[in-house]
Amino acid sequence: MRIALGIEYDGSAFCGWQRQASGRTVQGVVDDALSRIADEAVVSHCAGRTDAGVHAHGQVVHFDTGAVRDLRAWTLGANSHLPPDVAIRWALVVPADFHARYSAESRAYAFVISNRPTRPGLWQGRVCWQYRALDVARMREGAAQLLGEHDFSAFRAAGCQAKHPVRRLLRLDVERHGEMVILRAEANAFLQHMVRNLAGVLMEIGSGAREPAWAREVLDGRDRRRAGMTAAAGGLYFLRARYPVHFGLPVDAAPLPFCGA
């Protein structure tokens, strides 16, 4: 049978999602825990592969198994074999044509910025620190110019392995919650480092270093070298993936607990 899972994790101590020959990965510890419950080798597939240091609030994965287990075994049982920084939130039997990656209609991320003069202590590794005061209105003006379907070459990592750079950006909101500035992005899919590069451009605009029109100039230039810095990985959270309703997956709208995103 095919099982889908909702997973959350703190990516600070991981080398990313995807299993590697060396280094601690989220997929590695998840597959190991599931394999112990299934009593057979399990390989999971995720909705969105996260990089080193990136977190997830609502990652979705699926795996196939011949083991017959109660759903509680795939949640509580697997959690008992997972490290403290990874937890399975829910499990669901899904049809054989469901695929965590290819069935997803869109994916959503939040990027969290601690915007204050001094660096954070409590949220170190979980937010991006920006000491310059950010003007959210300016950031929104810049963000509005990036919505829609475009060639996002200027916002992809140099090593991005995507076959093409065209993506449809459905949402790019900017809100302030006290000293936290939250970017929320949703697209049909994202390029490697795309959200972090969007955040880097919008922070330059919000600080006054660039005008809002610069966002469109960067986009149209299709040159990664013109887009400025890649924002820190610790501020990025995979929020959720959306699927056709007939699959019956839970709709996870719970906010991040410390910022309202």
Protein backbone atom coordinates (compact mmCIF):
# COMPACT_ATOMS: atom_id res chain seq x y z
CA MET A 1 0.00 0.00 0.00
CA ARG A 2 1.00 3.65 -0.37
CA ILE A 3 1.12 5.85 2.72
CA ALA A 4 1.33 9.65 2.85
CA LEU A 5 2.77 11.44 5.87
CA GLY A 6 2.85 15.03 7.13
CA ILE A 7 6.23 15.84 8.68
CA GLU A 8 7.77 18.78 10.50
CA TYR A 9 11.44 19.29 11.28
CA ASP A 10 14.06 21.72 12.45
CA GLY A 11 16.61 21.69 9.65
CA SER A 12 19.42 23.33 11.63
CA ALA A 13 21.42 20.14 12.17
CA PHE A 14 20.67 18.50 8.81
CA CYS A 15 22.47 18.57 5.47
CA GLY A 16 19.08 18.94 3.79
CA TRP A 17 16.26 16.55 2.93
CA GLN A 18 17.85 14.22 0.41
CA ARG A 19 19.84 11.20 1.58
CA GLN A 20 23.57 11.55 0.89
CA ALA A 21 26.60 9.27 1.00
CA SER A 22 27.73 11.14 4.09
CA GLY A 23 26.08 13.65 6.39
CA ARG A 24 22.87 13.66 8.42
CA THR A 25 19.74 14.13 6.28
CA VAL A 26 16.02 14.27 7.01
CA GLN A 27 15.23 11.56 4.48
CA GLY A 28 17.87 9.36 6.06
CA VAL A 29 16.40 9.47 9.57
CA VAL A 30 12.79 9.25 8.28
CA ASP A 31 13.48 6.21 6.10
CA ASP A 32 15.37 4.51 8.92
CA ALA A 33 12.47 5.02 11.36
CA LEU A 34 9.83 3.86 8.86
CA SER A 35 11.93 0.82 7.94
CA ARG A 36 12.00 -0.25 11.57
CA ILE A 37 8.21 -0.06 11.80
CA ALA A 38 7.72 -1.82 8.44
CA ASP A 39 10.43 -4.41 9.15
CA GLU A 40 11.57 -3.88 5.55
CA ALA A 41 13.47 -1.22 3.62
CA VAL A 42 11.42 1.93 3.03
CA VAL A 43 12.25 4.81 0.67
CA SER A 44 10.26 8.05 1.06
CA HIS A 45 9.55 10.73 -1.55
CA CYS A 46 8.86 14.33 -0.52
CA ALA A 47 6.84 17.25 -1.90
CA GLY A 48 9.78 19.65 -1.82
CA ARG A 49 13.44 18.89 -1.15
CA THR A 50 14.81 21.34 1.39
CA ASP A 51 18.44 22.47 1.58
CA ALA A 52 20.78 22.37 4.56
CA GLY A 53 19.45 24.46 7.45
CA VAL A 54 15.93 24.83 6.00
CA HIS A 55 12.95 23.82 8.16
CA ALA A 56 9.55 22.29 7.42
CA HIS A 57 6.21 22.88 9.07
CA GLY A 58 4.10 20.76 6.70
CA GLN A 59 6.34 18.62 4.50
CA VAL A 60 4.43 15.84 2.72
CA VAL A 61 6.01 12.50 1.85
CA HIS A 62 4.83 9.15 0.55
CA PHE A 63 6.26 5.64 0.60
CA ASP A 64 5.22 2.18 -0.53
CA THR A 65 5.22 -0.83 1.77
CA GLY A 66 3.98 -4.39 1.95
CA ALA A 67 3.66 -4.09 5.72
CA VAL A 68 0.16 -3.85 7.16
CA ARG A 69 0.20 -1.50 10.13
CA ASP A 70 -2.28 0.68 11.99
CA LEU A 71 -1.88 4.36 11.09
CA ARG A 72 -0.80 5.02 14.67
CA ALA A 73 2.25 2.87 14.02
CA TRP A 74 3.29 5.18 11.18
CA THR A 75 2.93 8.23 13.44
CA LEU A 76 3.50 7.43 17.12
CA GLY A 77 5.53 4.32 16.39
CA ALA A 78 7.82 5.97 13.86
CA ASN A 79 8.16 9.06 16.06
CA SER A 80 9.57 6.88 18.83
CA HIS A 81 12.47 6.05 16.46
CA LEU A 82 12.99 9.59 15.15
CA PRO A 83 15.35 12.18 16.67
CA PRO A 84 13.78 15.10 18.60
CA ASP A 85 14.13 17.54 15.68
CA VAL A 86 11.85 15.52 13.35
CA ALA A 87 8.21 14.50 13.94
CA ILE A 88 5.50 12.83 11.87
CA ARG A 89 2.23 14.72 12.38
CA TRP A 90 -0.25 12.53 10.45
CA ALA A 91 -0.47 9.43 8.24
CA LEU A 92 -3.00 8.49 5.57
CA VAL A 93 -3.46 5.61 3.14
CA VAL A 94 -3.52 7.10 -0.38
CA PRO A 95 -4.24 5.72 -3.88
CA ALA A 96 -1.40 4.24 -5.91
CA ASP A 97 -1.47 7.21 -8.31
CA PHE A 98 -0.67 9.70 -5.53
CA HIS A 99 2.87 11.11 -5.58
CA ALA A 100 4.06 13.59 -2.97
CA ARG A 101 6.03 15.56 -5.56
CA TYR A 102 4.25 15.10 -8.87
CA SER A 103 0.67 15.28 -7.57
CA ALA A 104 1.23 18.60 -5.81
CA GLU A 105 -0.52 21.56 -7.44
CA SER A 106 1.48 24.15 -5.51
CA ARG A 107 3.93 24.56 -2.66
CA ALA A 108 4.13 27.31 -0.04
CA TYR A 109 7.05 28.64 1.98
CA ALA A 110 7.45 31.23 4.71
CA PHE A 111 10.61 33.25 5.18
CA VAL A 112 11.01 34.75 8.65
CA ILE A 113 13.16 37.83 9.27
CA SER A 114 14.09 39.11 12.71
CA ASN A 115 14.21 42.85 12.03
CA ARG A 116 15.92 44.56 14.94
CA PRO A 117 19.29 46.21 15.61
CA THR A 118 20.72 43.29 17.63
CA ARG A 119 21.07 39.66 16.57
CA PRO A 120 18.58 37.10 17.91
CA GLY A 121 19.56 34.63 20.60
CA LEU A 122 16.37 32.69 21.23
CA TRP A 123 15.60 32.18 17.52
CA GLN A 124 19.17 31.70 16.30
CA GLY A 125 19.13 29.32 13.33
CA ARG A 126 15.36 29.68 12.95
CA VAL A 127 15.16 33.19 11.51
CA CYS A 128 17.17 35.43 9.21
CA TRP A 129 18.50 38.51 11.02
CA GLN A 130 18.32 41.89 9.27
CA TYR A 131 19.55 44.82 11.38
CA ARG A 132 18.49 47.50 8.88
CA ALA A 133 14.92 48.74 9.37
CA LEU A 134 12.68 47.24 6.70
CA ASP A 135 9.82 49.16 5.08
CA VAL A 136 7.16 46.53 4.46
CA ALA A 137 5.21 48.77 2.04
CA ARG A 138 8.26 49.06 -0.23
CA MET A 139 8.80 45.30 -0.06
CA ARG A 140 5.19 44.67 -1.07
CA GLU A 141 5.56 47.02 -4.03
CA GLY A 142 8.59 45.08 -5.20
CA ALA A 143 6.94 41.70 -4.58
CA ALA A 144 3.91 42.61 -6.71
CA GLN A 145 6.15 42.90 -9.77
CA LEU A 146 7.25 39.27 -9.48
CA LEU A 147 3.85 37.58 -9.46
CA GLY A 148 2.79 35.41 -12.38
CA GLU A 149 4.61 33.07 -14.74
CA HIS A 150 8.16 34.13 -15.55
CA ASP A 151 11.66 32.94 -16.26
CA PHE A 152 13.16 33.08 -12.75
CA SER A 153 16.77 32.47 -13.85
CA ALA A 154 17.91 35.46 -11.77
CA PHE A 155 16.54 33.77 -8.64
CA ARG A 156 17.94 30.25 -9.03
CA ALA A 157 21.10 28.80 -7.52
CA ALA A 158 24.09 28.33 -9.80
CA GLY A 159 23.89 24.57 -9.22
CA CYS A 160 20.12 24.30 -9.68
CA GLN A 161 19.30 21.11 -11.59
CA ALA A 162 15.77 22.07 -12.71
CA LYS A 163 15.20 21.40 -16.41
CA HIS A 164 13.83 24.90 -17.04
CA PRO A 165 13.62 28.17 -15.05
CA VAL A 166 9.97 29.05 -15.72
CA ARG A 167 7.77 29.03 -12.63
CA ARG A 168 4.33 30.45 -11.78
CA LEU A 169 4.49 32.55 -8.63
CA LEU A 170 0.97 32.60 -7.22
CA ARG A 171 1.56 34.55 -4.04
CA LEU A 172 4.30 36.71 -2.50
CA ASP A 173 3.05 38.52 0.58
CA VAL A 174 5.00 40.58 3.12
CA GLU A 175 3.68 41.23 6.63
CA ARG A 176 5.10 42.56 9.87
CA HIS A 177 4.39 40.89 13.23
CA GLY A 178 6.18 43.04 15.78
CA GLU A 179 9.90 42.72 15.12
CA MET A 180 9.32 39.80 12.73
CA VAL A 181 8.84 40.39 9.00
CA ILE A 182 7.26 37.42 7.23
CA LEU A 183 7.41 36.64 3.52
CA ARG A 184 4.94 34.04 2.29
CA ALA A 185 5.45 32.60 -1.17
CA GLU A 186 3.38 30.08 -3.10
CA ALA A 187 4.14 28.72 -6.57
CA ASN A 188 3.48 25.69 -8.71
CA ALA A 189 7.11 24.80 -7.96
CA PHE A 190 10.30 26.54 -6.85
CA LEU A 191 13.85 26.59 -8.16
CA GLN A 192 16.75 25.89 -5.81
CA HIS A 193 17.31 28.90 -3.49
CA MET A 194 14.47 30.76 -5.23
CA VAL A 195 12.66 31.87 -2.06
CA ARG A 196 15.91 32.85 -0.34
CA ASN A 197 16.91 34.91 -3.38
CA LEU A 198 13.49 36.55 -3.51
CA ALA A 199 13.93 37.42 0.17
CA GLY A 200 17.39 38.86 -0.51
CA VAL A 201 16.04 41.17 -3.21
CA LEU A 202 13.07 42.30 -1.12
CA MET A 203 15.27 43.04 1.90
CA GLU A 204 17.45 45.28 -0.28
CA ILE A 205 14.30 47.12 -1.35
CA GLY A 206 12.86 47.26 2.16
CA SER A 207 16.08 48.71 3.59
CA GLY A 208 16.05 51.54 1.04
CA ALA A 209 19.21 50.34 -0.71
CA ARG A 210 17.20 49.73 -3.89
CA GLU A 211 13.97 51.03 -5.36
CA PRO A 212 10.94 48.68 -5.72
CA ALA A 213 11.33 48.73 -9.53
CA TRP A 214 14.66 46.92 -9.09
CA ALA A 215 12.76 43.66 -8.47
CA ARG A 216 11.45 43.70 -12.04
CA GLU A 217 14.85 44.72 -13.40
CA VAL A 218 16.43 41.69 -11.75
CA LEU A 219 13.68 39.40 -13.03
CA ASP A 220 13.93 40.67 -16.60
CA GLY A 221 17.73 40.54 -16.56
CA ARG A 222 17.70 36.76 -15.91
CA ASP A 223 21.18 37.07 -14.42
CA ARG A 224 21.73 35.60 -10.95
CA ARG A 225 24.72 37.90 -10.41
CA ARG A 226 22.42 40.96 -10.46
CA ALA A 227 20.06 39.66 -7.76
CA GLY A 228 22.18 40.32 -4.69
CA MET A 229 22.58 38.08 -1.68
CA THR A 230 20.99 34.72 -0.96
CA ALA A 231 19.22 35.12 2.40
CA ALA A 232 20.14 32.82 5.29
CA ALA A 233 18.71 29.28 5.17
CA GLY A 234 17.57 29.39 8.80
CA GLY A 235 14.73 31.78 7.98
CA LEU A 236 13.09 29.45 5.46
CA TYR A 237 10.19 27.09 6.24
CA PHE A 238 8.41 24.68 3.90
CA LEU A 239 4.84 25.42 4.95
CA ARG A 240 2.65 23.08 2.92
CA ALA A 241 1.87 21.46 -0.41
CA ARG A 242 -1.58 21.57 -1.97
CA TYR A 243 -3.10 18.55 -3.73
CA PRO A 244 -6.31 17.79 -5.62
CA VAL A 245 -9.11 17.35 -3.10
CA HIS A 246 -9.94 13.82 -4.20
CA PHE A 247 -6.77 12.56 -2.49
CA GLY A 248 -8.26 13.60 0.85
CA LEU A 249 -5.07 14.90 2.44
CA PRO A 250 -5.39 17.09 5.54
CA VAL A 251 -5.45 20.83 4.82
CA ASP A 252 -2.80 22.14 7.18
CA ALA A 253 -3.44 25.83 7.79
CA ALA A 254 -1.86 25.98 11.26
CA PRO A 255 0.44 29.01 11.60
CA LEU A 256 4.05 28.90 12.65
CA PRO A 257 3.79 29.20 16.43
CA PHE A 258 6.07 32.21 16.92
CA CYS A 259 5.24 34.51 14.02
CA GLY A 260 1.68 33.95 12.79
CA ALA A 261 2.79 32.90 9.29
